[in-house]
């Protein structure tokens, strides 16, 4: 399946390549968790701590997690070519 979320490489602003290291389930969980945390700003306890949800939301949408890269974790089933 080759959709917009299954890109093998994402580019950051410095022109360096970031390999996608999150699988589809991991990404979906991150997006849902991020949206749930952000909703805390508007409903529930109405605390500004809900903005921390931007981090899992962003990593879920982009497909790259810097912490995963540092720890050598890759939940993406696609094989990457080193080029």
N, C-alpha and C. Protein backbone atom coordinates (compact mmCIF):
# COMPACT_ATOMS: atom_id res chain seq x y z
N UNK A 1 0.85 -1.17 0.00
CA UNK A 1 0.00 0.00 0.00
C UNK A 1 0.89 1.23 0.00
N UNK A 2 0.69 2.12 -0.93
CA UNK A 2 1.55 3.28 -1.06
C UNK A 2 0.70 4.54 -0.99
N UNK A 3 0.43 5.01 0.23
CA UNK A 3 -0.35 6.22 0.40
C UNK A 3 0.55 7.34 0.92
N UNK A 4 0.00 8.48 1.20
CA UNK A 4 0.77 9.63 1.66
C UNK A 4 1.48 9.39 2.99
N UNK A 5 0.91 8.52 3.83
CA UNK A 5 1.52 8.25 5.12
C UNK A 5 2.62 7.20 5.04
N UNK A 6 2.73 6.50 3.94
CA UNK A 6 3.70 5.44 3.82
C UNK A 6 4.99 5.88 3.15
N UNK A 7 5.25 7.17 3.16
CA UNK A 7 6.48 7.66 2.54
C UNK A 7 7.69 7.07 3.25
N UNK A 8 8.68 6.72 2.49
CA UNK A 8 9.87 6.12 3.09
C UNK A 8 10.81 7.17 3.66
N UNK A 9 10.79 8.37 3.13
CA UNK A 9 11.71 9.40 3.59
C UNK A 9 10.96 10.72 3.73
N UNK A 10 11.16 11.39 4.85
CA UNK A 10 10.62 12.74 5.05
C UNK A 10 11.80 13.70 5.11
N UNK A 11 11.61 14.91 4.65
CA UNK A 11 12.71 15.88 4.67
C UNK A 11 12.44 16.93 5.73
N UNK A 12 13.49 17.29 6.46
CA UNK A 12 13.35 18.38 7.42
C UNK A 12 13.83 19.66 6.76
N UNK A 13 13.82 20.77 7.48
CA UNK A 13 14.16 22.06 6.89
C UNK A 13 15.64 22.19 6.52
N UNK A 14 16.51 21.40 7.11
CA UNK A 14 17.93 21.46 6.80
C UNK A 14 18.30 20.68 5.56
N UNK A 15 17.35 20.02 4.93
CA UNK A 15 17.62 19.23 3.74
C UNK A 15 18.11 17.83 4.05
N UNK A 16 18.27 17.49 5.33
CA UNK A 16 18.70 16.15 5.70
C UNK A 16 17.52 15.21 5.63
N UNK A 17 17.80 13.95 5.36
CA UNK A 17 16.74 12.96 5.25
C UNK A 17 16.47 12.33 6.61
N UNK A 18 15.18 12.19 6.92
CA UNK A 18 14.76 11.49 8.13
C UNK A 18 13.99 10.26 7.69
N UNK A 19 14.45 9.09 8.05
CA UNK A 19 13.74 7.87 7.68
C UNK A 19 12.51 7.71 8.57
N UNK A 20 11.42 7.30 7.98
CA UNK A 20 10.21 7.02 8.73
C UNK A 20 10.49 5.82 9.63
N UNK A 21 10.27 5.98 10.93
CA UNK A 21 10.57 4.89 11.85
C UNK A 21 9.36 4.51 12.71
N UNK A 22 8.17 4.87 12.25
CA UNK A 22 6.94 4.52 12.97
C UNK A 22 6.01 3.76 12.03
N UNK A 23 5.47 2.67 12.52
CA UNK A 23 4.49 1.91 11.75
C UNK A 23 3.12 2.59 11.80
N UNK A 24 2.19 2.09 10.99
CA UNK A 24 0.87 2.72 10.89
C UNK A 24 0.10 2.66 12.20
N UNK A 25 0.16 1.56 12.94
CA UNK A 25 -0.55 1.47 14.22
C UNK A 25 0.06 2.45 15.22
N UNK A 26 1.38 2.50 15.28
CA UNK A 26 2.09 3.43 16.16
C UNK A 26 1.69 4.87 15.85
N UNK A 27 1.64 5.20 14.57
CA UNK A 27 1.28 6.56 14.15
C UNK A 27 -0.16 6.89 14.51
N UNK A 28 -1.07 5.94 14.30
CA UNK A 28 -2.48 6.17 14.61
C UNK A 28 -2.67 6.40 16.12
N UNK A 29 -1.99 5.61 16.92
CA UNK A 29 -2.08 5.77 18.38
C UNK A 29 -1.54 7.14 18.79
N UNK A 30 -0.43 7.55 18.21
CA UNK A 30 0.15 8.86 18.53
C UNK A 30 -0.80 10.00 18.16
N UNK A 31 -1.41 9.92 16.98
CA UNK A 31 -2.33 10.97 16.55
C UNK A 31 -3.54 11.03 17.49
N UNK A 32 -4.11 9.88 17.81
CA UNK A 32 -5.27 9.85 18.71
C UNK A 32 -4.91 10.35 20.11
N UNK A 33 -3.75 9.94 20.62
CA UNK A 33 -3.29 10.40 21.93
C UNK A 33 -3.05 11.90 21.92
N UNK A 34 -2.43 12.40 20.87
CA UNK A 34 -2.18 13.83 20.75
C UNK A 34 -3.47 14.63 20.73
N UNK A 35 -4.45 14.17 19.95
CA UNK A 35 -5.73 14.86 19.89
C UNK A 35 -6.46 14.82 21.23
N UNK A 36 -6.37 13.68 21.92
CA UNK A 36 -7.00 13.56 23.24
C UNK A 36 -6.36 14.53 24.24
N UNK A 37 -5.05 14.62 24.23
CA UNK A 37 -4.36 15.53 25.15
C UNK A 37 -4.67 16.99 24.83
N UNK A 38 -4.69 17.32 23.55
CA UNK A 38 -5.01 18.70 23.16
C UNK A 38 -6.44 19.05 23.56
N UNK A 39 -7.34 18.08 23.52
CA UNK A 39 -8.73 18.35 23.90
C UNK A 39 -8.84 18.75 25.36
N UNK A 40 -7.86 18.35 26.19
CA UNK A 40 -7.88 18.73 27.60
C UNK A 40 -7.76 20.24 27.80
N UNK A 41 -7.25 20.93 26.81
CA UNK A 41 -7.14 22.39 26.90
C UNK A 41 -8.53 23.01 26.84
N UNK A 42 -9.46 22.37 26.12
CA UNK A 42 -10.77 22.95 25.88
C UNK A 42 -11.88 22.34 26.73
N UNK A 43 -11.75 21.06 27.07
CA UNK A 43 -12.78 20.38 27.87
C UNK A 43 -12.10 19.67 29.04
N UNK A 44 -12.86 19.22 29.96
CA UNK A 44 -12.28 18.52 31.11
C UNK A 44 -11.64 19.51 32.07
N UNK A 45 -10.42 19.24 32.49
CA UNK A 45 -9.79 20.13 33.48
C UNK A 45 -9.37 21.50 32.93
N UNK A 46 -9.40 21.66 31.61
CA UNK A 46 -9.02 22.91 30.95
C UNK A 46 -7.65 23.40 31.43
N UNK A 47 -6.69 22.52 31.33
CA UNK A 47 -5.33 22.83 31.75
C UNK A 47 -4.44 23.04 30.53
N UNK A 48 -3.50 23.98 30.61
CA UNK A 48 -2.59 24.19 29.47
C UNK A 48 -1.62 23.03 29.25
N UNK A 49 -1.54 22.09 30.17
CA UNK A 49 -0.67 20.93 29.98
C UNK A 49 -1.13 20.08 28.81
N UNK A 50 -2.35 20.27 28.35
CA UNK A 50 -2.83 19.52 27.20
C UNK A 50 -2.06 19.80 25.92
N UNK A 51 -1.41 20.97 25.87
CA UNK A 51 -0.63 21.31 24.67
C UNK A 51 0.56 20.38 24.46
N UNK A 52 0.91 19.61 25.48
CA UNK A 52 1.98 18.62 25.31
C UNK A 52 1.57 17.58 24.26
N UNK A 53 0.28 17.51 23.96
CA UNK A 53 -0.23 16.60 22.94
C UNK A 53 0.23 16.95 21.54
N UNK A 54 0.78 18.14 21.36
CA UNK A 54 1.31 18.51 20.04
C UNK A 54 2.48 17.62 19.64
N UNK A 55 3.25 17.15 20.62
CA UNK A 55 4.40 16.31 20.32
C UNK A 55 3.99 14.96 19.72
N UNK A 56 3.13 14.18 20.38
CA UNK A 56 2.75 12.91 19.73
C UNK A 56 1.94 13.14 18.45
N UNK A 57 1.17 14.21 18.38
CA UNK A 57 0.42 14.50 17.16
C UNK A 57 1.38 14.76 16.00
N UNK A 58 2.39 15.59 16.22
CA UNK A 58 3.35 15.91 15.16
C UNK A 58 4.15 14.69 14.73
N UNK A 59 4.65 13.92 15.70
CA UNK A 59 5.44 12.74 15.34
C UNK A 59 4.58 11.70 14.63
N UNK A 60 3.31 11.61 15.01
CA UNK A 60 2.42 10.67 14.33
C UNK A 60 2.12 11.07 12.91
N UNK A 61 1.98 12.37 12.67
CA UNK A 61 1.70 12.85 11.31
C UNK A 61 2.92 12.75 10.41
N UNK A 62 4.09 13.03 10.96
CA UNK A 62 5.33 13.01 10.17
C UNK A 62 5.86 11.59 9.99
N UNK A 63 5.71 10.76 11.02
CA UNK A 63 6.19 9.38 10.93
C UNK A 63 7.61 9.21 11.42
N UNK A 64 8.18 10.23 12.02
CA UNK A 64 9.55 10.16 12.51
C UNK A 64 9.58 10.54 13.97
N UNK A 65 10.21 9.72 14.80
CA UNK A 65 10.37 10.00 16.22
C UNK A 65 11.87 10.04 16.52
N UNK A 66 12.34 11.18 16.99
CA UNK A 66 13.77 11.34 17.28
C UNK A 66 14.22 10.40 18.39
N UNK A 67 13.37 10.17 19.39
CA UNK A 67 13.72 9.26 20.47
C UNK A 67 13.88 7.83 19.94
N UNK A 68 12.99 7.42 19.05
CA UNK A 68 13.14 6.11 18.41
C UNK A 68 14.47 6.03 17.67
N UNK A 69 14.84 7.09 16.97
CA UNK A 69 16.10 7.09 16.21
C UNK A 69 17.30 6.96 17.16
N UNK A 70 17.25 7.65 18.29
CA UNK A 70 18.35 7.57 19.27
C UNK A 70 18.47 6.18 19.88
N UNK A 71 17.32 5.54 20.11
CA UNK A 71 17.32 4.22 20.73
C UNK A 71 17.40 3.08 19.72
N UNK A 72 17.37 3.39 18.43
CA UNK A 72 17.46 2.37 17.39
C UNK A 72 16.18 1.57 17.21
N UNK A 73 15.04 2.16 17.58
CA UNK A 73 13.75 1.49 17.46
C UNK A 73 13.13 1.85 16.12
N UNK A 74 12.51 0.86 15.47
CA UNK A 74 11.83 1.09 14.20
C UNK A 74 10.61 0.19 14.16
N UNK A 75 9.41 0.79 14.20
CA UNK A 75 8.18 0.01 14.14
C UNK A 75 7.59 0.00 12.73
N UNK A 76 8.28 0.61 11.78
CA UNK A 76 7.81 0.65 10.41
C UNK A 76 8.22 -0.64 9.71
N UNK A 77 7.27 -1.36 9.11
CA UNK A 77 7.62 -2.64 8.49
C UNK A 77 8.35 -2.50 7.15
N UNK A 78 8.35 -1.30 6.54
CA UNK A 78 8.99 -1.10 5.24
C UNK A 78 10.51 -1.18 5.39
N UNK A 79 11.15 -1.83 4.45
CA UNK A 79 12.61 -1.91 4.44
C UNK A 79 13.16 -0.66 3.78
N UNK A 80 14.19 -0.06 4.37
CA UNK A 80 14.78 1.17 3.84
C UNK A 80 16.11 0.86 3.16
N UNK A 81 16.33 1.52 2.06
CA UNK A 81 17.63 1.44 1.41
C UNK A 81 18.50 2.54 1.99
N UNK A 82 19.75 2.24 2.28
CA UNK A 82 20.67 3.26 2.78
C UNK A 82 21.27 4.00 1.59
N UNK A 83 20.66 5.12 1.25
CA UNK A 83 21.17 5.90 0.13
C UNK A 83 21.18 7.35 0.47
